[in-house]
Amino acid sequence: VVQWGDAGGVNQQFRLADSSDGYVRLINRNSGKAVEVQDASTADGAKVVQFTDWGGANQQWQLIRATGVPAQMHTAGRVKDAGNTVQYSWPGVYFVSGDVWQNPGTWRPRLVVVNLGTNDFSTAVNPGGPWTADSLAAAYHDFLQKLRTHYGAATTIVAVGTGRFAGQVQQLVKTRNDARDSGTRYWFLDSSDLDFLGCHWHYSAHDDRVIPERLTSFVAGLPMSW
């Protein structure tokens, strides 16, 4: 493994694969191989190479937050913010305790779109992990309820279904509709034609243009007045 000018090539792209006890493996997009310390050496100056992913301790790495630098880590169904496991930061922001925007009372959104899907809610829940699929669904339901309480019945809430948890999101919306919350709507985000070429297979600039067009088409069919 060598350092080189950033050319954006697939041989320079890596994804995080979850291991136990908070460790991750770095998998190269081009080769599908893992980054490891050669021969499981513990010596200073040991070579770091790529090798078939077999999950050895010499292929497992821990992400450490640099002192004084905000860093957020998403792995396998959990978000770590300054060492604390959180599910979502609303109505504040990560890294800034107590930083909550105070609505002066003049901002009354007619539409709120919830799209949890490109990090934790699109990552498989590993056996023995801190959260289960049911607990993620419960957190999502709690979030929708907080939005409804905060914004009131006049606001339409669109819950976006995408990735492996799309079915759970659809069921949660049905549950709310059955409880007479007709203002919460489900929208399935069709991922066809999305290239996911952003960092670590996130939405790309191309995708960020396509998604609003599809969402706008869906919203245009809702019984809303502006």
Protein backbone atom coordinates (compact mmCIF):
# COMPACT_ATOMS: atom_id res chain seq x y z
CA VAL A 1 0.00 0.00 0.00
CA VAL A 2 1.50 3.34 -1.07
CA GLN A 3 0.42 6.96 -1.02
CA TRP A 4 -0.22 8.71 -4.34
CA GLY A 5 -1.82 11.84 -5.69
CA ASP A 6 -5.62 11.72 -5.36
CA ALA A 7 -6.84 10.59 -8.79
CA GLY A 8 -10.18 9.21 -7.62
CA GLY A 9 -9.45 5.79 -9.11
CA VAL A 10 -11.20 2.66 -7.85
CA ASN A 11 -7.86 1.43 -6.52
CA GLN A 12 -7.88 4.45 -4.20
CA GLN A 13 -11.37 3.80 -2.88
CA PHE A 14 -12.09 1.80 0.26
CA ARG A 15 -15.19 0.84 2.20
CA LEU A 16 -15.52 0.00 5.87
CA ALA A 17 -16.54 -3.55 6.77
CA ASP A 18 -17.60 -4.02 10.37
CA SER A 19 -15.68 -6.34 12.71
CA SER A 20 -16.29 -7.01 16.39
CA ASP A 21 -15.51 -4.72 19.33
CA GLY A 22 -15.64 -1.49 17.35
CA TYR A 23 -13.01 -2.45 14.78
CA VAL A 24 -13.40 -2.23 11.00
CA ARG A 25 -11.72 -3.65 7.92
CA LEU A 26 -10.73 -1.54 4.91
CA ILE A 27 -11.84 -3.20 1.66
CA ASN A 28 -10.46 -1.93 -1.62
CA ARG A 29 -13.08 -1.25 -4.29
CA ASN A 30 -10.86 -2.38 -7.16
CA SER A 31 -9.53 -5.67 -5.79
CA GLY A 32 -12.03 -6.54 -3.07
CA LYS A 33 -9.07 -7.28 -0.81
CA ALA A 34 -8.49 -6.04 2.73
CA VAL A 35 -5.72 -3.79 4.03
CA GLU A 36 -3.52 -5.71 6.46
CA VAL A 37 -0.20 -5.59 8.31
CA GLN A 38 1.98 -8.11 6.48
CA ASP A 39 2.70 -11.37 8.33
CA ALA A 40 0.73 -10.06 11.34
CA SER A 41 3.83 -8.16 12.38
CA THR A 42 3.71 -5.95 15.48
CA ALA A 43 7.06 -4.29 14.74
CA ASP A 44 7.52 -0.62 13.96
CA GLY A 45 7.90 -0.06 10.22
CA ALA A 46 6.06 -3.25 9.22
CA LYS A 47 4.66 -3.30 5.69
CA VAL A 48 0.97 -2.63 5.07
CA VAL A 49 -0.37 -4.56 2.07
CA GLN A 50 -3.62 -5.80 0.53
CA PHE A 51 -4.64 -9.42 1.03
CA THR A 52 -7.74 -11.61 0.77
CA ASP A 53 -10.29 -10.55 3.39
CA TRP A 54 -10.22 -13.27 6.05
CA GLY A 55 -11.02 -11.13 9.11
CA GLY A 56 -7.69 -11.56 10.89
CA ALA A 57 -6.63 -9.24 13.70
CA ASN A 58 -3.95 -7.81 11.40
CA GLN A 59 -6.75 -6.68 9.06
CA GLN A 60 -8.80 -4.95 11.74
CA TRP A 61 -8.48 -1.23 12.37
CA GLN A 62 -9.97 1.19 14.86
CA LEU A 63 -11.00 4.72 13.88
CA ILE A 64 -9.74 7.19 16.48
CA ARG A 65 -11.09 10.71 16.67
CA ALA A 66 -8.29 13.24 16.21
CA THR A 67 -8.00 15.67 19.10
CA GLY A 68 -9.86 18.90 18.42
CA VAL A 69 -11.26 17.68 15.11
CA PRO A 70 -15.00 16.92 14.86
CA ALA A 71 -15.50 13.41 13.54
CA GLN A 72 -18.58 11.29 13.11
CA MET A 73 -18.39 7.54 12.54
CA HIS A 74 -21.13 5.44 10.96
CA THR A 75 -20.72 1.68 11.12
CA ALA A 76 -23.22 -1.14 11.09
CA GLY A 77 -26.34 0.41 12.52
CA ARG A 78 -24.89 2.90 14.95
CA VAL A 79 -23.59 6.46 14.98
CA LYS A 80 -20.81 7.46 17.32
CA ASP A 81 -20.59 11.15 18.17
CA ALA A 82 -17.63 12.02 20.41
CA GLY A 83 -17.69 8.47 21.74
CA ASN A 84 -21.42 8.48 22.52
CA THR A 85 -23.77 6.16 20.66
CA VAL A 86 -26.73 8.13 19.31
CA GLN A 87 -29.61 7.38 16.95
CA TYR A 88 -30.31 10.85 15.59
CA SER A 89 -29.40 14.39 16.57
CA TRP A 90 -32.61 16.28 15.76
CA PRO A 91 -33.43 18.99 16.71
CA GLY A 92 -29.75 19.76 17.30
CA VAL A 93 -26.59 18.85 15.46
CA TYR A 94 -23.82 16.37 16.07
CA PHE A 95 -20.81 17.49 18.13
CA VAL A 96 -22.49 20.58 19.61
CA SER A 97 -24.26 19.75 22.85
CA GLY A 98 -27.41 21.82 23.38
CA ASP A 99 -27.19 23.52 19.98
CA VAL A 100 -30.89 23.59 19.10
CA TRP A 101 -32.32 26.13 16.68
CA GLN A 102 -35.09 28.09 18.33
CA ASN A 103 -38.01 28.63 15.99
CA PRO A 104 -39.16 32.25 16.44
CA GLY A 105 -42.69 31.08 15.69
CA THR A 106 -42.77 32.41 12.13
CA TRP A 107 -41.41 29.30 10.45
CA ARG A 108 -44.20 26.81 9.79
CA PRO A 109 -43.11 24.18 7.25
CA ARG A 110 -45.83 22.61 5.15
CA LEU A 111 -43.59 19.69 4.22
CA VAL A 112 -40.91 17.73 6.09
CA VAL A 113 -39.01 14.96 4.28
CA VAL A 114 -37.25 12.24 6.28
CA ASN A 115 -34.65 10.27 4.36
CA LEU A 116 -32.65 7.98 6.62
CA GLY A 117 -30.98 5.67 4.19
CA THR A 118 -27.37 6.16 3.19
CA ASN A 119 -25.57 5.36 6.42
CA ASP A 120 -26.90 3.47 9.41
CA PHE A 121 -30.37 2.76 8.08
CA SER A 122 -28.90 1.16 4.95
CA THR A 123 -26.36 -0.99 6.77
CA ALA A 124 -27.10 -4.54 7.80
CA VAL A 125 -27.51 -5.15 11.52
CA ASN A 126 -24.83 -7.60 12.57
CA PRO A 127 -25.52 -10.48 14.98
CA GLY A 128 -24.83 -9.36 18.53
CA GLY A 129 -24.79 -5.70 17.53
CA PRO A 130 -25.99 -3.02 19.95
CA TRP A 131 -29.17 -2.38 17.95
CA THR A 132 -31.57 -4.78 16.29
CA ALA A 133 -33.80 -4.16 13.28
CA ASP A 134 -36.72 -3.76 15.71
CA SER A 135 -34.88 -1.14 17.77
CA LEU A 136 -34.00 0.81 14.62
CA ALA A 137 -37.67 0.72 13.62
CA ALA A 138 -38.67 1.90 17.10
CA ALA A 139 -36.19 4.79 16.87
CA TYR A 140 -37.59 5.76 13.47
CA HIS A 141 -41.15 5.69 14.82
CA ASP A 142 -40.09 7.81 17.79
CA PHE A 143 -38.51 10.30 15.41
CA LEU A 144 -41.68 10.58 13.31
CA GLN A 145 -43.75 11.13 16.45
CA LYS A 146 -41.43 13.90 17.63
CA LEU A 147 -41.73 15.59 14.25
CA ARG A 148 -45.52 15.35 14.35
CA THR A 149 -45.67 16.75 17.87
CA HIS A 150 -43.26 19.55 17.03
CA TYR A 151 -44.78 20.69 13.73
CA GLY A 152 -48.44 19.84 14.27
CA ALA A 153 -51.12 18.23 12.13
CA ALA A 154 -50.91 20.80 9.32
CA THR A 155 -47.44 19.66 8.25
CA THR A 156 -47.10 16.81 5.77
CA ILE A 157 -44.32 14.39 6.66
CA VAL A 158 -42.87 12.26 3.87
CA ALA A 159 -40.91 9.21 5.05
CA VAL A 160 -38.59 7.98 2.32
CA GLY A 161 -38.13 4.25 1.87
CA THR A 162 -34.81 3.17 0.43
CA GLY A 163 -32.28 0.41 0.97
CA ARG A 164 -32.72 -2.60 3.20
CA PHE A 165 -35.05 -0.84 5.69
CA ALA A 166 -37.57 0.39 3.10
CA GLY A 167 -40.11 -2.23 4.17
CA GLN A 168 -39.89 -1.21 7.82
CA VAL A 169 -40.37 2.45 6.91
CA GLN A 170 -43.44 1.60 4.84
CA GLN A 171 -44.91 -0.41 7.71
CA LEU A 172 -44.27 2.42 10.19
CA VAL A 173 -46.11 4.86 7.94
CA LYS A 174 -49.03 2.43 7.68
CA THR A 175 -49.10 2.18 11.47
CA ARG A 176 -49.30 5.97 11.74
CA ASN A 177 -52.00 6.13 9.07
CA ASP A 178 -54.01 3.48 10.93
CA ALA A 179 -53.69 5.70 14.02
CA ARG A 180 -55.34 8.53 12.02
CA ASP A 181 -52.17 10.38 11.14
CA SER A 182 -53.05 10.81 7.47
CA GLY A 183 -50.46 13.55 7.08
CA THR A 184 -47.56 11.09 7.15
CA ARG A 185 -46.86 9.69 3.69
CA TYR A 186 -44.57 6.97 2.38
CA TRP A 187 -42.45 7.48 -0.72
CA PHE A 188 -40.26 4.75 -2.19
CA LEU A 189 -37.08 6.19 -3.66
CA ASP A 190 -36.46 4.39 -6.94
CA SER A 191 -32.69 3.89 -7.10
CA SER A 192 -32.59 3.05 -10.79
CA ASP A 193 -30.18 5.32 -12.69
CA LEU A 194 -28.47 6.37 -9.45
CA ASP A 195 -24.73 5.72 -9.65
CA PHE A 196 -23.79 5.96 -5.93
CA LEU A 197 -20.36 7.29 -6.87
CA GLY A 198 -20.07 9.59 -3.88
CA CYS A 199 -17.59 8.90 -1.10
CA HIS A 200 -17.97 5.30 0.11
CA TRP A 201 -20.88 4.59 -2.29
CA HIS A 202 -22.98 7.54 -1.11
CA TYR A 203 -25.14 9.62 -3.44
CA SER A 204 -23.11 11.46 -6.08
CA ALA A 205 -23.67 14.95 -7.50
CA HIS A 206 -25.57 13.24 -10.32
CA ASP A 207 -27.80 11.45 -7.81
CA ASP A 208 -28.39 14.70 -5.92
CA ARG A 209 -29.90 16.12 -9.10
CA VAL A 210 -32.03 13.08 -9.92
CA ILE A 211 -33.52 12.54 -6.44
CA PRO A 212 -35.09 16.03 -6.07
CA GLU A 213 -36.70 15.65 -9.48
CA ARG A 214 -38.34 12.38 -8.44
CA LEU A 215 -39.35 13.74 -5.05
CA THR A 216 -40.83 16.88 -6.61
CA SER A 217 -42.97 14.72 -8.90
CA PHE A 218 -44.28 12.77 -5.89
CA VAL A 219 -44.95 15.88 -3.79
CA ALA A 220 -46.86 17.46 -6.68
CA GLY A 221 -49.46 14.71 -6.31
CA LEU A 222 -50.05 15.27 -2.59
CA PRO A 223 -53.17 17.11 -1.40
CA MET A 224 -51.23 20.13 -0.16
CA SER A 225 -51.80 23.85 -0.52
CA TRP A 226 -48.87 26.24 -0.58
